[in-house]
Amino acid sequence: TVQPSEITKAAFALTMAAHLNKIGNNPIKLKNIIFLGLHLLCYLVPIVLQKDIGSALVYLCSFAVLLFMSGLQYRYLIGGMIIVVAAVPLVWQFLSTYQKARIIYGFQPELDPLGYGLQPIVSKIALGSGQLTGLGYGNGIQTQNDLLPASNTDFIFSIIGEEFGFIGCVFVILALVLIVFLIARDSAKAAKANDYCGKYICITVAAIIAVQTMINIGMCVGLSPVIGITLPFVSYGGSSVLSMFICLGLVQRTRLRPEKALKFTRR
């Protein structure tokens, strides 16, 4: 199935970069934050209406990273954090019973081991059974016996841990860290070339990959609730993979010719 929230990630990176490009290297003022917030809501509202809280969280966290890296003053960052924390009880009231249960039992899976807590429990069993080197490719007990739902999407990291062990998990994490590092380096190069649009595209893409990775691994090890976030470049899913490679295409365009890449006319 096509997930619009995945496909629009590239558009999110591009339009946010175009917006911030108009500000350039100038300090971000309160009116800029308000318009950027409205810009963010154009993406968040449809996603929340689809009850895709996981993707909404990725967009929100990536937006926060983008503002932080753009030099936003700390008073605005702290104020934003206070607003987000204050809004949590309000958002909670709009969540469905299913979503609330996923969050609650995601942190305490032992309270419902055969229901909402099944995935987190089996996920940790799979990770633990792999030990250092794993059980071998295709020999995962949880995979072969279909004991872990969504094992090829949301919980692919657990299967990697079971079949390839701790070494396999470290390899995947280091590969994703390397991708984020290389994109961040491209952001620095774009900034030196005064290509602010390219800079912000790279920051947004790096933030999306980093946030998704942390949330997905957190789900697998039981540090975050199960909210349906895939592992970038690894999880099965056409929309997710397509979205990531489109984002990489934008980054590659800024890398090839940073002095001309994806620049928007400032007014």
Protein backbone atom coordinates (compact mmCIF):
# COMPACT_ATOMS: atom_id res chain seq x y z
CA THR A 1 0.00 0.00 0.00
CA VAL A 2 1.08 3.58 -0.67
CA GLN A 3 1.72 5.69 2.42
CA PRO A 4 1.39 9.42 1.64
CA SER A 5 3.30 10.33 4.81
CA GLU A 6 6.35 8.54 3.40
CA ILE A 7 6.17 10.02 -0.10
CA THR A 8 5.83 13.59 1.23
CA LYS A 9 9.09 13.43 3.20
CA ALA A 10 11.05 14.57 0.15
CA ALA A 11 8.55 17.39 -0.40
CA PHE A 12 8.88 18.31 3.28
CA ALA A 13 12.67 18.58 2.97
CA LEU A 14 12.43 20.59 -0.26
CA THR A 15 9.73 23.06 0.80
CA MET A 16 11.23 23.66 4.24
CA ALA A 17 14.59 24.33 2.61
CA ALA A 18 12.96 26.77 0.18
CA HIS A 19 11.26 28.54 3.08
CA LEU A 20 14.44 28.85 5.15
CA ASN A 21 16.42 29.84 2.05
CA LYS A 22 14.46 33.10 1.97
CA ILE A 23 15.74 33.85 5.47
CA GLY A 24 19.29 32.99 4.45
CA ASN A 25 21.93 33.63 7.09
CA ASN A 26 19.80 36.16 8.94
CA PRO A 27 18.60 35.47 12.51
CA ILE A 28 15.26 33.67 12.68
CA LYS A 29 12.65 35.97 14.19
CA LEU A 30 9.37 35.16 15.90
CA LYS A 31 7.32 35.86 12.77
CA ASN A 32 9.55 33.43 10.85
CA ILE A 33 8.89 30.74 13.46
CA ILE A 34 5.13 31.31 13.20
CA PHE A 35 5.13 30.91 9.42
CA LEU A 36 7.43 27.88 9.65
CA GLY A 37 5.05 26.39 12.21
CA LEU A 38 2.10 26.90 9.85
CA HIS A 39 4.20 25.32 7.12
CA LEU A 40 4.76 22.29 9.35
CA LEU A 41 1.04 22.03 10.11
CA CYS A 42 0.33 21.62 6.39
CA TYR A 43 2.09 18.26 6.69
CA LEU A 44 1.14 17.31 10.24
CA VAL A 45 -2.63 17.83 10.06
CA PRO A 46 -3.29 15.35 7.19
CA ILE A 47 -0.96 12.82 8.82
CA VAL A 48 -2.66 13.11 12.21
CA LEU A 49 -6.08 12.83 10.56
CA GLN A 50 -4.88 9.51 9.12
CA LYS A 51 -4.01 8.55 12.72
CA ASP A 52 -0.37 8.00 11.76
CA ILE A 53 1.12 9.29 15.01
CA GLY A 54 4.50 7.70 14.31
CA SER A 55 5.07 9.63 11.09
CA ALA A 56 3.80 12.82 12.71
CA LEU A 57 6.43 12.38 15.43
CA VAL A 58 9.16 11.95 12.80
CA TYR A 59 8.12 15.17 11.06
CA LEU A 60 7.91 17.08 14.34
CA CYS A 61 11.33 15.92 15.59
CA SER A 62 12.95 16.57 12.21
CA PHE A 63 11.46 20.07 12.22
CA ALA A 64 12.92 20.69 15.69
CA VAL A 65 16.36 19.53 14.55
CA LEU A 66 16.12 21.74 11.46
CA LEU A 67 15.31 24.82 13.55
CA PHE A 68 18.11 24.03 16.01
CA MET A 69 20.68 23.64 13.22
CA SER A 70 19.48 26.83 11.54
CA GLY A 71 20.65 28.85 14.54
CA LEU A 72 17.36 29.42 16.32
CA GLN A 73 17.78 31.24 19.63
CA TYR A 74 17.62 29.05 22.72
CA ARG A 75 14.72 30.99 24.22
CA TYR A 76 12.56 30.00 21.26
CA LEU A 77 13.70 26.38 21.47
CA ILE A 78 12.91 26.20 25.18
CA GLY A 79 9.55 27.90 24.60
CA GLY A 80 8.73 25.41 21.87
CA MET A 81 9.61 22.48 24.13
CA ILE A 82 7.33 23.85 26.84
CA ILE A 83 4.47 24.19 24.35
CA VAL A 84 4.96 20.62 23.08
CA VAL A 85 5.01 19.19 26.62
CA ALA A 86 1.92 21.20 27.56
CA ALA A 87 0.12 19.90 24.46
CA VAL A 88 0.71 16.22 25.30
CA PRO A 89 -2.41 15.85 27.53
CA LEU A 90 -4.53 17.49 24.81
CA VAL A 91 -3.16 15.22 22.09
CA TRP A 92 -3.70 12.20 24.33
CA GLN A 93 -7.43 12.93 24.44
CA PHE A 94 -7.64 12.68 20.65
CA LEU A 95 -5.87 9.33 20.42
CA SER A 96 -7.96 6.23 19.80
CA THR A 97 -8.18 3.45 22.36
CA TYR A 98 -5.95 1.33 20.13
CA GLN A 99 -3.25 4.01 19.97
CA LYS A 100 -3.34 4.58 23.72
CA ALA A 101 -3.01 0.85 24.34
CA ARG A 102 -0.02 0.61 21.97
CA ILE A 103 1.75 3.37 23.87
CA ILE A 104 0.94 2.08 27.36
CA TYR A 105 1.75 -1.56 26.68
CA GLY A 106 4.76 -0.56 24.62
CA PHE A 107 6.41 0.57 27.84
CA GLN A 108 4.87 -2.19 29.97
CA PRO A 109 4.35 -5.16 27.62
CA GLU A 110 4.18 -7.65 30.48
CA LEU A 111 0.73 -6.26 31.37
CA ASP A 112 -0.70 -7.72 28.14
CA PRO A 113 1.75 -10.40 26.94
CA LEU A 114 -0.69 -12.03 24.50
CA GLY A 115 -2.13 -8.82 23.09
CA TYR A 116 -0.58 -5.38 22.66
CA GLY A 117 2.54 -6.41 24.53
CA LEU A 118 3.28 -9.41 22.30
CA GLN A 119 5.44 -7.61 19.73
CA PRO A 120 7.76 -5.88 22.24
CA ILE A 121 8.22 -9.11 24.21
CA VAL A 122 8.93 -11.33 21.19
CA SER A 123 11.17 -8.62 19.74
CA LYS A 124 13.41 -8.64 22.80
CA ILE A 125 13.45 -12.44 22.81
CA ALA A 126 14.63 -12.41 19.19
CA LEU A 127 17.38 -9.89 19.93
CA GLY A 128 18.56 -11.81 22.98
CA SER A 129 18.61 -15.20 21.26
CA GLY A 130 21.00 -13.92 18.58
CA GLN A 131 23.76 -13.25 21.13
CA LEU A 132 27.08 -12.26 19.50
CA THR A 133 27.04 -13.82 16.03
CA GLY A 134 23.37 -14.81 15.57
CA LEU A 135 21.64 -18.03 14.58
CA GLY A 136 22.50 -17.67 10.90
CA TYR A 137 20.67 -16.30 7.88
CA GLY A 138 17.21 -17.85 7.58
CA ASN A 139 17.55 -19.68 10.89
CA GLY A 140 15.72 -17.18 13.07
CA ILE A 141 13.17 -18.97 15.25
CA GLN A 142 10.82 -15.98 15.45
CA THR A 143 10.92 -15.47 11.68
CA GLN A 144 10.56 -19.07 10.57
CA ASN A 145 7.66 -19.68 12.94
CA ASP A 146 5.92 -16.35 12.29
CA LEU A 147 6.02 -15.49 15.97
CA LEU A 148 6.88 -11.82 15.48
CA PRO A 149 4.27 -9.74 13.61
CA ALA A 150 5.67 -7.14 11.17
CA SER A 151 9.06 -8.84 11.30
CA ASN A 152 9.99 -7.58 7.83
CA THR A 153 8.93 -3.97 8.44
CA ASP A 154 8.74 -2.41 11.90
CA PHE A 155 10.75 -5.15 13.62
CA ILE A 156 13.33 -5.98 10.97
CA PHE A 157 16.08 -4.87 13.38
CA SER A 158 15.05 -7.61 15.83
CA ILE A 159 15.33 -10.23 13.09
CA ILE A 160 18.76 -8.90 12.14
CA GLY A 161 19.77 -9.29 15.78
CA GLU A 162 18.43 -12.83 15.92
CA GLU A 163 20.02 -14.05 12.68
CA PHE A 164 23.24 -11.99 12.66
CA GLY A 165 23.64 -11.26 16.35
CA PHE A 166 25.14 -8.24 18.06
CA ILE A 167 27.72 -7.91 15.29
CA GLY A 168 24.98 -7.60 12.65
CA CYS A 169 23.13 -4.98 14.70
CA VAL A 170 26.29 -2.91 15.15
CA PHE A 171 27.00 -3.12 11.42
CA VAL A 172 23.52 -1.82 10.53
CA ILE A 173 23.74 1.00 13.08
CA LEU A 174 27.20 2.06 11.89
CA ALA A 175 26.03 2.02 8.26
CA LEU A 176 23.11 4.33 9.08
CA VAL A 177 25.33 6.58 11.22
CA LEU A 178 27.75 6.83 8.29
CA ILE A 179 24.94 7.85 5.94
CA VAL A 180 23.81 10.58 8.36
CA PHE A 181 27.40 11.75 8.83
CA LEU A 182 28.03 12.01 5.08
CA ILE A 183 24.80 13.96 4.57
CA ALA A 184 25.72 16.28 7.46
CA ARG A 185 29.11 16.85 5.85
CA ASP A 186 27.37 17.76 2.60
CA SER A 187 25.31 20.25 4.58
CA ALA A 188 28.49 21.92 5.84
CA LYS A 189 29.90 22.09 2.30
CA ALA A 190 26.68 23.65 1.01
CA ALA A 191 26.80 26.25 3.78
CA LYS A 192 30.37 27.20 2.81
CA ALA A 193 29.18 27.67 -0.77
CA ASN A 194 26.34 29.91 0.49
CA ASP A 195 23.85 27.36 -0.82
CA TYR A 196 21.39 27.67 2.05
CA CYS A 197 18.71 25.66 0.30
CA GLY A 198 21.11 22.75 -0.17
CA LYS A 199 22.22 23.09 3.43
CA TYR A 200 18.69 22.81 4.80
CA ILE A 201 17.77 19.96 2.48
CA CYS A 202 20.72 17.96 3.81
CA ILE A 203 19.89 18.81 7.43
CA THR A 204 16.26 17.75 7.02
CA VAL A 205 17.10 14.47 5.28
CA ALA A 206 19.77 13.63 7.86
CA ALA A 207 17.31 14.42 10.67
CA ILE A 208 14.58 12.22 9.16
CA ILE A 209 16.95 9.26 8.82
CA ALA A 210 18.38 9.73 12.33
CA VAL A 211 14.99 10.17 14.02
CA GLN A 212 13.46 7.17 12.24
CA THR A 213 16.44 5.01 13.14
CA MET A 214 16.34 5.93 16.82
CA ILE A 215 12.58 5.40 17.11
CA ASN A 216 12.63 2.08 15.23
CA ILE A 217 15.50 0.63 17.25
CA GLY A 218 13.86 1.99 20.39
CA MET A 219 10.69 0.05 19.51
CA CYS A 220 12.68 -3.15 19.00
CA VAL A 221 14.57 -2.94 22.30
CA GLY A 222 11.57 -1.74 24.31
CA LEU A 223 12.65 1.86 24.88
CA SER A 224 9.77 3.38 22.92
CA PRO A 225 6.19 2.30 22.17
CA VAL A 226 5.28 0.56 18.93
CA ILE A 227 4.17 3.39 16.64
CA GLY A 228 4.79 1.89 13.20
CA ILE A 229 8.10 3.45 12.15
CA THR A 230 10.28 1.63 9.63
CA LEU A 231 14.07 1.32 9.67
CA PRO A 232 15.43 3.49 6.81
CA PHE A 233 16.81 1.56 3.80
CA VAL A 234 16.32 -1.76 5.61
CA SER A 235 12.61 -2.35 6.28
CA TYR A 236 10.42 -3.85 3.56
CA GLY A 237 8.00 -1.38 1.99
CA GLY A 238 7.86 0.37 -1.36
CA SER A 239 6.77 3.78 -0.08
CA SER A 240 9.45 3.89 2.62
CA VAL A 241 12.31 2.83 0.34
CA LEU A 242 11.18 5.10 -2.50
CA SER A 243 10.93 8.07 -0.13
CA MET A 244 14.42 7.52 1.24
CA PHE A 245 16.01 7.28 -2.19
CA ILE A 246 14.21 10.39 -3.42
CA CYS A 247 15.62 12.21 -0.39
CA LEU A 248 19.08 10.89 -1.20
CA GLY A 249 18.59 12.12 -4.76
CA LEU A 250 18.00 15.65 -3.44
CA VAL A 251 21.14 15.39 -1.33
CA GLN A 252 23.15 14.09 -4.28
CA ARG A 253 22.00 17.05 -6.38
CA THR A 254 23.35 19.50 -3.81
CA ARG A 255 26.61 17.53 -3.68
CA LEU A 256 27.26 17.52 -7.44
CA ARG A 257 27.08 21.26 -7.99
CA PRO A 258 26.65 23.04 -4.65
CA GLU A 259 27.13 26.48 -6.19
CA LYS A 260 24.05 26.01 -8.44
CA ALA A 261 22.09 23.18 -6.87
CA LEU A 262 18.45 23.70 -5.98
CA LYS A 263 18.73 27.41 -5.29
CA PHE A 264 15.55 29.41 -4.98
CA THR A 265 15.39 33.11 -5.68
CA ARG A 266 15.20 35.17 -2.53
CA ARG A 267 12.77 38.02 -2.36
